[in-house]
Structure formats: structure tokens, C-alpha cells
N, C-alpha and C. Protein backbone atom coordinates (compact mmCIF):
# COMPACT_ATOMS: atom_id res chain seq x y z
N MET A 1 92.13 82.69 89.17
CA MET A 1 93.46 82.67 88.21
C MET A 1 93.03 83.38 87.00
N ILE A 2 92.20 83.11 86.11
CA ILE A 2 91.54 83.81 84.99
C ILE A 2 91.73 85.27 85.22
N SER A 3 91.29 85.78 86.45
CA SER A 3 91.31 87.43 86.41
C SER A 3 92.86 87.90 86.90
N ARG A 4 93.56 87.22 87.33
CA ARG A 4 94.83 87.47 87.46
C ARG A 4 95.49 87.45 85.84
N LEU A 5 95.21 86.46 85.04
CA LEU A 5 95.84 86.44 84.01
C LEU A 5 95.29 87.47 82.91
N THR A 6 94.17 87.88 83.18
CA THR A 6 93.39 89.00 82.37
C THR A 6 94.45 90.40 82.82
N TYR A 7 94.78 90.47 84.08
CA TYR A 7 95.26 91.82 84.46
C TYR A 7 96.98 91.86 83.78
N ARG A 8 97.35 90.51 83.77
CA ARG A 8 98.81 90.55 83.18
C ARG A 8 98.75 91.01 81.75
N THR A 9 97.61 90.52 80.98
CA THR A 9 97.81 90.46 79.55
C THR A 9 97.04 92.06 79.40
N ASN A 10 96.34 92.56 79.88
CA ASN A 10 96.27 93.77 79.83
C ASN A 10 97.32 94.78 80.12
N ALA A 11 98.25 94.59 81.21
CA ALA A 11 99.39 95.38 81.34
C ALA A 11 100.34 94.85 80.17
N LEU A 12 100.45 93.59 79.74
CA LEU A 12 101.50 93.67 78.26
C LEU A 12 100.97 94.57 77.23
N ASN A 13 99.48 94.69 77.14
CA ASN A 13 99.02 95.37 75.88
C ASN A 13 99.00 96.96 76.15
N GLY A 14 99.39 97.21 77.57
CA GLY A 14 99.34 98.80 77.72
C GLY A 14 98.46 99.31 78.43
N HIS A 15 97.35 98.53 78.63
CA HIS A 15 96.10 98.92 79.43
C HIS A 15 96.02 99.05 80.65
N GLN A 16 95.29 100.04 81.06
CA GLN A 16 95.30 100.33 82.69
C GLN A 16 94.87 98.85 83.27
N VAL A 17 95.64 98.71 84.38
CA VAL A 17 95.25 97.39 85.55
C VAL A 17 94.83 98.10 86.67
N ASN A 18 93.61 97.33 86.68
CA ASN A 18 92.86 97.64 88.19
C ASN A 18 93.03 96.48 89.13
N PHE A 19 93.14 96.72 89.94
CA PHE A 19 93.12 95.51 91.21
C PHE A 19 92.09 95.78 92.39
N PRO A 20 90.63 95.36 91.99
CA PRO A 20 89.43 95.65 92.80
C PRO A 20 89.89 95.40 94.44
N ASP A 21 89.26 96.24 95.34
CA ASP A 21 89.68 95.82 96.62
C ASP A 21 89.15 94.69 97.29
N PHE A 22 88.09 94.03 96.71
CA PHE A 22 87.57 92.65 96.91
C PHE A 22 88.56 91.37 96.74
N GLU A 23 89.48 91.90 95.86
CA GLU A 23 90.83 90.88 95.79
C GLU A 23 91.50 91.25 96.90
N GLY A 24 91.37 91.94 97.67
CA GLY A 24 92.65 92.25 99.03
C GLY A 24 93.32 93.48 98.46
N THR A 25 93.62 94.35 99.68
CA THR A 25 94.56 95.31 99.47
C THR A 25 95.64 95.03 100.71
N PRO A 26 96.74 95.46 99.95
CA PRO A 26 98.04 95.36 100.71
C PRO A 26 98.04 95.97 101.94
N PRO A 27 98.57 95.73 103.06
CA PRO A 27 98.71 96.63 104.35
C PRO A 27 99.67 97.70 103.97
N LEU A 28 99.20 98.88 104.89
CA LEU A 28 99.70 100.21 104.60
C LEU A 28 101.07 100.26 105.38
N PRO A 29 102.17 100.80 104.67
CA PRO A 29 103.27 101.07 104.96
C PRO A 29 103.50 101.95 106.69
N LEU A 30 104.50 101.48 107.40
CA LEU A 30 104.41 102.11 108.62
C LEU A 30 104.78 103.52 108.62
N GLU A 31 104.37 104.37 109.41
CA GLU A 31 104.83 105.97 109.27
C GLU A 31 105.94 106.31 109.88
N VAL A 32 107.13 105.69 109.14
CA VAL A 32 108.37 105.78 109.55
C VAL A 32 108.95 106.28 108.47
N ASP A 33 109.90 107.41 108.51
CA ASP A 33 110.71 107.93 106.94
C ASP A 33 111.78 106.83 106.88
N ASP A 34 112.59 107.06 105.67
CA ASP A 34 113.32 106.15 105.35
C ASP A 34 114.86 105.82 106.26
N GLU A 35 114.94 107.30 106.74
CA GLU A 35 116.41 107.38 107.61
C GLU A 35 116.31 106.54 108.80
N TYR A 36 114.90 106.04 109.13
CA TYR A 36 114.77 105.68 110.45
C TYR A 36 114.86 103.69 110.17
N ILE A 37 114.70 103.44 108.92
CA ILE A 37 114.84 102.03 108.83
C ILE A 37 116.32 101.62 108.60
N THR A 38 116.78 100.68 109.18
CA THR A 38 117.88 100.03 108.88
C THR A 38 117.68 98.58 108.21
N ALA A 39 119.12 98.13 108.22
CA ALA A 39 119.07 96.50 107.80
C ALA A 39 118.25 95.59 108.80
N GLU A 40 118.75 96.25 110.20
CA GLU A 40 118.64 95.23 111.39
C GLU A 40 117.16 95.81 111.95
N SER A 41 117.03 97.11 111.97
CA SER A 41 115.44 97.18 112.77
C SER A 41 114.76 98.54 111.97
N ILE A 42 113.66 98.88 112.34
CA ILE A 42 112.82 99.97 112.04
C ILE A 42 113.01 101.00 113.18
N LEU A 43 113.41 101.90 113.45
CA LEU A 43 113.55 102.65 114.52
C LEU A 43 112.15 103.83 114.68
N SER A 44 112.10 104.13 115.85
CA SER A 44 110.91 105.00 115.72
C SER A 44 110.78 106.01 115.09
N GLN A 45 109.89 106.60 114.50
CA GLN A 45 109.74 108.12 114.02
C GLN A 45 109.78 109.06 115.24
N PRO A 46 110.66 109.64 115.54
CA PRO A 46 110.87 110.80 116.30
C PRO A 46 109.44 111.64 116.33
N LYS A 47 109.04 112.04 117.64
CA LYS A 47 107.58 112.76 117.59
C LYS A 47 107.60 113.93 117.31
N SER A 48 108.64 114.57 117.09
CA SER A 48 109.02 116.14 116.77
C SER A 48 109.02 116.16 115.37
N ARG A 49 108.93 115.17 114.74
CA ARG A 49 109.27 115.28 112.97
C ARG A 49 107.98 114.50 112.55
N GLN A 50 107.12 114.85 111.82
CA GLN A 50 106.27 114.46 111.05
C GLN A 50 106.65 113.38 109.96
N SER A 51 106.40 112.08 110.09
CA SER A 51 106.73 111.30 108.75
C SER A 51 106.09 111.59 107.26
N PHE A 52 106.87 111.42 106.32
CA PHE A 52 106.42 112.02 104.94
C PHE A 52 105.31 110.78 104.66
N MET A 53 105.46 109.67 105.30
CA MET A 53 104.69 108.46 104.95
C MET A 53 103.36 108.95 105.26
N SER A 54 102.94 109.87 106.35
CA SER A 54 101.64 110.26 106.71
C SER A 54 100.66 110.41 105.85
N GLY A 55 101.15 111.43 105.01
CA GLY A 55 100.37 111.83 103.69
C GLY A 55 100.11 110.70 103.00
N PHE A 56 101.04 109.74 102.68
CA PHE A 56 100.70 108.54 101.59
C PHE A 56 99.67 107.97 102.16
N ILE A 57 99.80 107.53 103.52
CA ILE A 57 98.70 106.56 104.36
C ILE A 57 97.44 107.51 104.44
N ALA A 58 97.59 108.69 104.48
CA ALA A 58 95.97 109.11 104.22
C ALA A 58 95.32 109.09 103.22
N ILE A 59 96.08 109.34 102.10
CA ILE A 59 95.33 109.39 100.52
C ILE A 59 95.22 108.26 100.31
N SER A 60 95.88 107.11 100.67
CA SER A 60 95.55 105.74 100.38
C SER A 60 94.39 105.54 100.87
N ARG A 61 94.16 105.79 102.28
CA ARG A 61 92.84 105.43 102.83
C ARG A 61 91.54 105.97 102.25
N VAL A 62 91.90 107.29 101.63
CA VAL A 62 90.96 107.95 100.81
C VAL A 62 90.50 107.33 99.65
N PHE A 63 91.91 106.92 99.07
CA PHE A 63 91.58 106.15 97.60
C PHE A 63 90.90 104.95 97.79
N GLN A 64 91.18 103.89 98.96
CA GLN A 64 90.42 103.09 99.19
C GLN A 64 88.59 103.24 99.22
N ILE A 65 88.35 104.22 99.99
CA ILE A 65 86.93 104.60 99.83
C ILE A 65 86.35 104.78 98.68
N LEU A 66 87.29 105.58 97.86
CA LEU A 66 86.90 106.13 96.51
C LEU A 66 86.54 104.90 95.67
N SER A 67 87.57 103.83 95.92
CA SER A 67 87.30 102.63 95.00
C SER A 67 86.08 101.96 95.32
N GLN A 68 85.69 102.13 96.62
CA GLN A 68 84.56 101.26 96.97
C GLN A 68 83.23 101.74 96.52
N ALA A 69 83.45 103.18 96.26
CA ALA A 69 82.08 104.00 95.74
C ALA A 69 82.14 103.78 94.37
N ILE A 70 83.47 103.69 93.96
CA ILE A 70 83.14 103.86 92.41
C ILE A 70 82.72 102.30 91.92
N MET A 71 82.92 101.18 92.74
CA MET A 71 82.55 99.92 92.45
C MET A 71 80.97 99.76 92.53
N ARG A 72 80.56 100.29 93.91
CA ARG A 72 79.15 100.67 94.31
C ARG A 72 78.29 100.87 92.89
N GLN A 73 78.73 101.98 92.56
CA GLN A 73 78.07 102.95 91.32
C GLN A 73 78.20 102.29 90.13
N ARG A 74 79.43 101.53 89.58
CA ARG A 74 79.53 100.69 88.67
C ARG A 74 78.40 99.54 88.70
N THR A 75 78.22 98.99 89.59
CA THR A 75 77.24 97.79 89.75
C THR A 75 75.89 98.28 89.70
N LEU A 76 75.84 99.48 90.19
CA LEU A 76 74.26 100.03 90.33
C LEU A 76 73.66 100.26 88.63
N GLN A 77 74.94 100.82 87.88
CA GLN A 77 74.51 101.47 86.71
C GLN A 77 74.61 100.07 86.01
N MET A 78 75.06 99.16 85.83
CA MET A 78 75.14 97.65 85.24
C MET A 78 73.69 97.07 85.56
N ASN A 79 72.96 97.17 86.75
CA ASN A 79 71.86 96.84 86.90
C ASN A 79 71.60 97.27 88.54
N HIS A 80 70.82 98.52 88.60
CA HIS A 80 70.47 98.93 89.63
C HIS A 80 69.39 98.17 90.26
N LYS A 81 68.81 97.01 89.89
CA LYS A 81 67.66 96.22 90.60
C LYS A 81 68.37 95.03 91.10
N ALA A 82 69.78 94.81 91.02
CA ALA A 82 70.79 93.69 91.41
C ALA A 82 71.36 94.48 92.70
N GLY A 83 71.41 95.53 92.99
CA GLY A 83 72.00 95.97 93.76
C GLY A 83 71.07 96.34 95.20
N PRO A 84 71.74 97.24 96.26
CA PRO A 84 70.91 96.78 97.77
C PRO A 84 69.74 97.73 97.17
N ASP A 85 68.80 97.77 98.41
CA ASP A 85 67.84 98.65 98.40
C ASP A 85 67.94 100.09 98.73
N ARG A 86 67.15 100.75 98.34
CA ARG A 86 67.30 102.28 98.65
C ARG A 86 67.76 102.46 100.15
N ASN A 87 67.28 101.94 101.30
CA ASN A 87 67.99 102.14 102.61
C ASN A 87 69.22 101.74 102.91
N THR A 88 69.64 100.78 102.37
CA THR A 88 70.82 100.03 102.60
C THR A 88 71.73 101.00 101.78
N LEU A 89 71.30 101.48 100.88
CA LEU A 89 72.82 101.98 99.82
C LEU A 89 72.67 103.46 100.72
N LEU A 90 71.53 104.24 101.29
CA LEU A 90 71.65 105.17 102.07
C LEU A 90 72.51 105.32 103.20
N GLU A 91 72.44 104.13 103.93
CA GLU A 91 72.88 103.73 105.04
C GLU A 91 74.30 103.81 104.49
N TRP A 92 74.94 102.98 103.61
CA TRP A 92 76.60 102.78 103.18
C TRP A 92 76.98 104.13 103.39
N ILE A 93 76.17 104.93 102.46
CA ILE A 93 76.73 106.07 102.16
C ILE A 93 76.85 107.40 103.32
N GLY A 94 75.93 106.99 104.22
CA GLY A 94 76.34 107.69 105.64
C GLY A 94 77.59 107.46 106.24
N GLU A 95 77.60 105.52 106.37
CA GLU A 95 78.73 105.00 107.07
C GLU A 95 80.20 105.47 106.12
N THR A 96 80.03 105.55 105.04
CA THR A 96 81.18 105.70 104.15
C THR A 96 81.50 107.48 104.32
N THR A 97 80.57 108.40 104.34
CA THR A 97 81.02 109.75 104.86
C THR A 97 81.52 109.74 106.00
N GLU A 98 80.83 109.33 107.05
CA GLU A 98 81.33 109.31 108.53
C GLU A 98 82.93 108.86 108.58
N GLU A 99 83.02 107.59 107.70
CA GLU A 99 84.56 107.22 107.65
C GLU A 99 85.37 108.08 106.99
N LEU A 100 85.00 109.00 106.09
CA LEU A 100 86.01 110.01 105.56
C LEU A 100 86.31 110.65 106.37
N ARG A 101 84.88 111.48 107.27
CA ARG A 101 85.38 112.45 108.18
C ARG A 101 86.29 112.18 109.20
N GLU A 102 86.49 110.88 109.63
CA GLU A 102 87.44 110.35 110.55
C GLU A 102 88.57 110.37 110.13
N ILE A 103 88.93 109.96 108.88
CA ILE A 103 90.18 110.15 108.18
C ILE A 103 91.01 111.54 108.40
N MET A 104 89.62 112.27 107.66
CA MET A 104 90.13 113.70 107.90
C MET A 104 90.45 114.42 109.27
N GLU A 105 89.86 114.09 110.08
CA GLU A 105 89.89 114.91 111.59
C GLU A 105 91.10 113.97 112.32
N LYS A 106 91.79 113.08 111.51
CA LYS A 106 92.85 112.20 112.44
C LYS A 106 93.99 112.81 111.46
N LEU A 107 94.09 113.48 110.46
CA LEU A 107 94.97 114.10 109.92
C LEU A 107 96.14 114.57 110.80
N PRO A 108 97.27 114.65 110.96
CA PRO A 108 98.34 115.35 111.58
C PRO A 108 98.41 116.79 111.26
N PRO A 109 98.64 117.59 112.35
CA PRO A 109 98.44 119.19 111.77
C PRO A 109 98.96 119.38 110.58
N LEU A 110 100.07 119.06 110.40
CA LEU A 110 100.85 119.55 108.59
C LEU A 110 100.01 119.49 107.56
N LEU A 111 99.12 118.34 108.09
CA LEU A 111 98.30 117.85 106.43
C LEU A 111 96.92 118.42 106.49
N ARG A 112 96.59 119.19 107.68
CA ARG A 112 95.25 119.73 107.71
C ARG A 112 94.98 120.61 107.01
N HIS A 113 94.04 121.04 106.48
CA HIS A 113 93.59 122.16 105.71
C HIS A 113 94.02 123.72 106.34
N ASP A 114 93.79 123.46 107.74
CA ASP A 114 93.89 125.18 108.04
C ASP A 114 95.14 125.13 108.86
N TYR A 115 96.11 124.23 108.34
CA TYR A 115 97.57 124.69 109.08
C TYR A 115 98.18 125.95 108.82
N GLY A 116 98.62 126.54 109.71
CA GLY A 116 98.94 127.85 109.36
C GLY A 116 100.59 128.05 109.95
N GLY A 117 101.29 126.72 110.08
CA GLY A 117 102.26 127.17 110.74
C GLY A 117 103.39 127.65 109.99
N ALA A 118 104.82 127.36 110.40
CA ALA A 118 106.21 128.21 109.82
C ALA A 118 106.25 127.32 108.29
N ASP A 119 106.72 128.24 107.26
CA ASP A 119 107.31 127.64 106.04
C ASP A 119 108.66 127.38 106.08
N ASP A 120 108.94 125.96 106.05
CA ASP A 120 110.34 125.47 106.19
C ASP A 120 110.85 125.24 104.89
N GLY A 121 110.39 126.07 103.65
CA GLY A 121 110.85 125.71 102.35
C GLY A 121 110.43 124.35 101.77
N GLU A 122 111.57 123.80 101.39
CA GLU A 122 111.16 122.64 100.86
C GLU A 122 110.40 121.60 101.35
N VAL A 123 110.52 121.17 102.89
CA VAL A 123 109.81 120.33 103.86
C VAL A 123 108.30 121.02 103.95
N HIS A 124 108.47 122.18 103.90
CA HIS A 124 106.81 122.66 103.82
C HIS A 124 106.21 122.47 102.44
N SER A 125 106.92 122.53 101.57
CA SER A 125 106.48 122.24 100.08
C SER A 125 105.77 120.68 100.02
N ILE A 126 106.52 119.89 100.39
CA ILE A 126 106.29 118.48 100.40
C ILE A 126 104.78 118.30 101.07
N TYR A 127 104.70 118.88 102.24
CA TYR A 127 103.75 118.73 103.00
C TYR A 127 102.69 119.51 102.49
N ALA A 128 102.91 120.30 101.70
CA ALA A 128 101.66 121.27 101.31
C ALA A 128 100.90 120.73 99.86
N THR A 129 102.07 119.69 99.35
CA THR A 129 101.74 118.83 98.17
C THR A 129 100.55 117.85 98.73
N GLN A 130 101.23 117.09 99.70
CA GLN A 130 100.72 116.37 100.14
C GLN A 130 98.86 116.66 100.54
N GLN A 131 99.12 117.36 101.61
CA GLN A 131 97.87 118.47 102.03
C GLN A 131 96.96 118.65 100.87
N ALA A 132 97.50 119.17 99.81
CA ALA A 132 96.29 119.65 98.76
C ALA A 132 95.54 118.53 98.19
N ASN A 133 96.75 117.19 97.78
CA ASN A 133 96.27 115.94 97.38
C ASN A 133 95.30 115.32 98.07
N ILE A 134 95.60 115.11 99.00
CA ILE A 134 94.68 114.66 100.25
C ILE A 134 93.20 115.43 100.10
N HIS A 135 93.47 116.62 100.32
CA HIS A 135 92.04 117.49 100.45
C HIS A 135 91.31 117.35 99.15
N ILE A 136 91.69 117.68 97.99
CA ILE A 136 91.22 117.58 96.78
C ILE A 136 90.33 116.40 96.76
N THR A 137 91.15 115.08 97.04
CA THR A 137 90.68 113.65 96.82
C THR A 137 89.66 113.65 97.53
N ALA A 138 89.62 113.82 99.06
CA ALA A 138 88.67 113.84 99.71
C ALA A 138 87.34 114.68 99.38
N LEU A 139 87.46 115.92 98.76
CA LEU A 139 86.31 116.61 98.15
C LEU A 139 85.69 116.06 96.82
N CYS A 140 86.66 115.50 96.28
CA CYS A 140 85.87 114.52 95.07
C CYS A 140 84.98 113.39 95.43
N LEU A 141 85.54 112.62 96.57
CA LEU A 141 84.95 111.49 97.17
C LEU A 141 83.67 112.08 97.53
N GLU A 142 83.71 113.23 98.53
CA GLU A 142 82.26 113.78 99.08
C GLU A 142 81.25 114.06 97.79
N LEU A 143 82.00 114.55 97.02
CA LEU A 143 81.02 115.07 95.66
C LEU A 143 80.31 113.51 95.25
N TYR A 144 81.29 112.91 95.07
CA TYR A 144 80.69 111.63 94.39
C TYR A 144 79.74 110.82 95.21
N LEU A 145 79.95 110.82 96.51
CA LEU A 145 78.98 110.14 97.42
C LEU A 145 77.67 110.98 97.58
N VAL A 146 77.60 112.25 97.49
CA VAL A 146 76.50 112.91 97.68
C VAL A 146 76.03 113.22 96.27
N GLY A 147 76.69 113.21 95.40
CA GLY A 147 76.16 113.63 93.79
C GLY A 147 75.33 112.39 93.31
N PRO A 148 76.16 111.75 92.55
CA PRO A 148 75.65 110.95 91.64
C PRO A 148 75.17 109.61 92.52
N SER A 149 75.79 109.06 93.71
CA SER A 149 75.01 108.33 94.15
C SER A 149 73.69 108.47 94.84
N ARG A 150 73.37 109.77 95.46
CA ARG A 150 72.24 110.00 95.82
C ARG A 150 71.15 110.10 94.59
N ARG A 151 71.43 110.55 93.62
CA ARG A 151 70.58 111.00 92.38
C ARG A 151 70.26 109.23 91.98
N ARG A 152 71.32 108.43 91.91
CA ARG A 152 70.89 106.82 91.65
C ARG A 152 70.11 106.57 92.72
N VAL A 153 70.20 106.63 93.88
CA VAL A 153 69.34 106.14 95.15
C VAL A 153 68.02 106.72 94.68
N GLY A 154 67.57 107.93 94.02
CA GLY A 154 66.39 108.25 93.90
C GLY A 154 65.73 106.98 93.05
N ARG A 155 66.37 106.68 92.27
CA ARG A 155 65.85 106.12 90.94
C ARG A 155 65.64 104.45 91.41
N CYS A 156 66.13 104.01 92.49
CA CYS A 156 65.94 102.67 93.00
C CYS A 156 64.29 102.17 93.21
């Protein structure tokens, strides 16, 4: 209760509000565009049309991993002796790196870095923006996992 009160107070004062993953994460939305959602039901997204939600879901998954990595790093910075031992941390980094690779490998073709399909104007621009955001964030996460985390592990 206190933490929730703190979040509300921070928000009222104009400060950034962070909700750590350990407090729970909301479910990700369905990969269905708005025009296939009615008051009565949710229709299936046609296989011939990639949902715009795919990019949102992919980057949300990357941000969830980034959030975990930042939380671990901050914990180690505050008191590295209270954190996991070197081998446990290296194992977590390996597992997390693999989880990121799986997310990137499962991206639909329109969101892959090597997509070379036809340019459909505005629609292509939306996917290109999502594609750039996903790949830049994934690269930042990779650098975060390999860079500071590994250097910190060396000091454990």
C-alpha cells in the first residue's frame, strides 16, 4: 500500500512513475487491429495483413527484459555483495540474451531488420518506425547485458 501511495504522490508532483515488474505486468494485447474489434466480439486478424499491434507487443517484450536488466544492475550497484554470485549472474545474462534472440527471431517479416518488401507508403512507414524502435532498443539491451553487466560481474 505504501508503494502505491508513493507512486501516486510522485505522479501528482510531476515526477516519473516507475512500476517495477516484480509488482506485476499487465497482459499484452491481442495482435488484432482496431477495425477487427467490435462491441460484440474480436474478429481474427487476416493472415494477409500484419497487425500494427505486433510491433507494440515485440517492443513491450524487449522493454520487459530491459527493465529486469536495469533492476539487477541497480541492485548490484547498491550492494554487489547482496546480489547473486558471479556464475549465477553470468547464467542469467546468458538466458536473458537467449530470450532476446528468440523475440527477435520470431518477429514477423515486416518487422525484421532485413525486410526488403515493397514500400506501401504510409503503412510501410509505420512498420519501418516500429522496426527501427524494436531493433535499436534490442541493440541497447544487448550492449547493456554485455557491457556494464559483464564488467560488474568481474568485480564480484
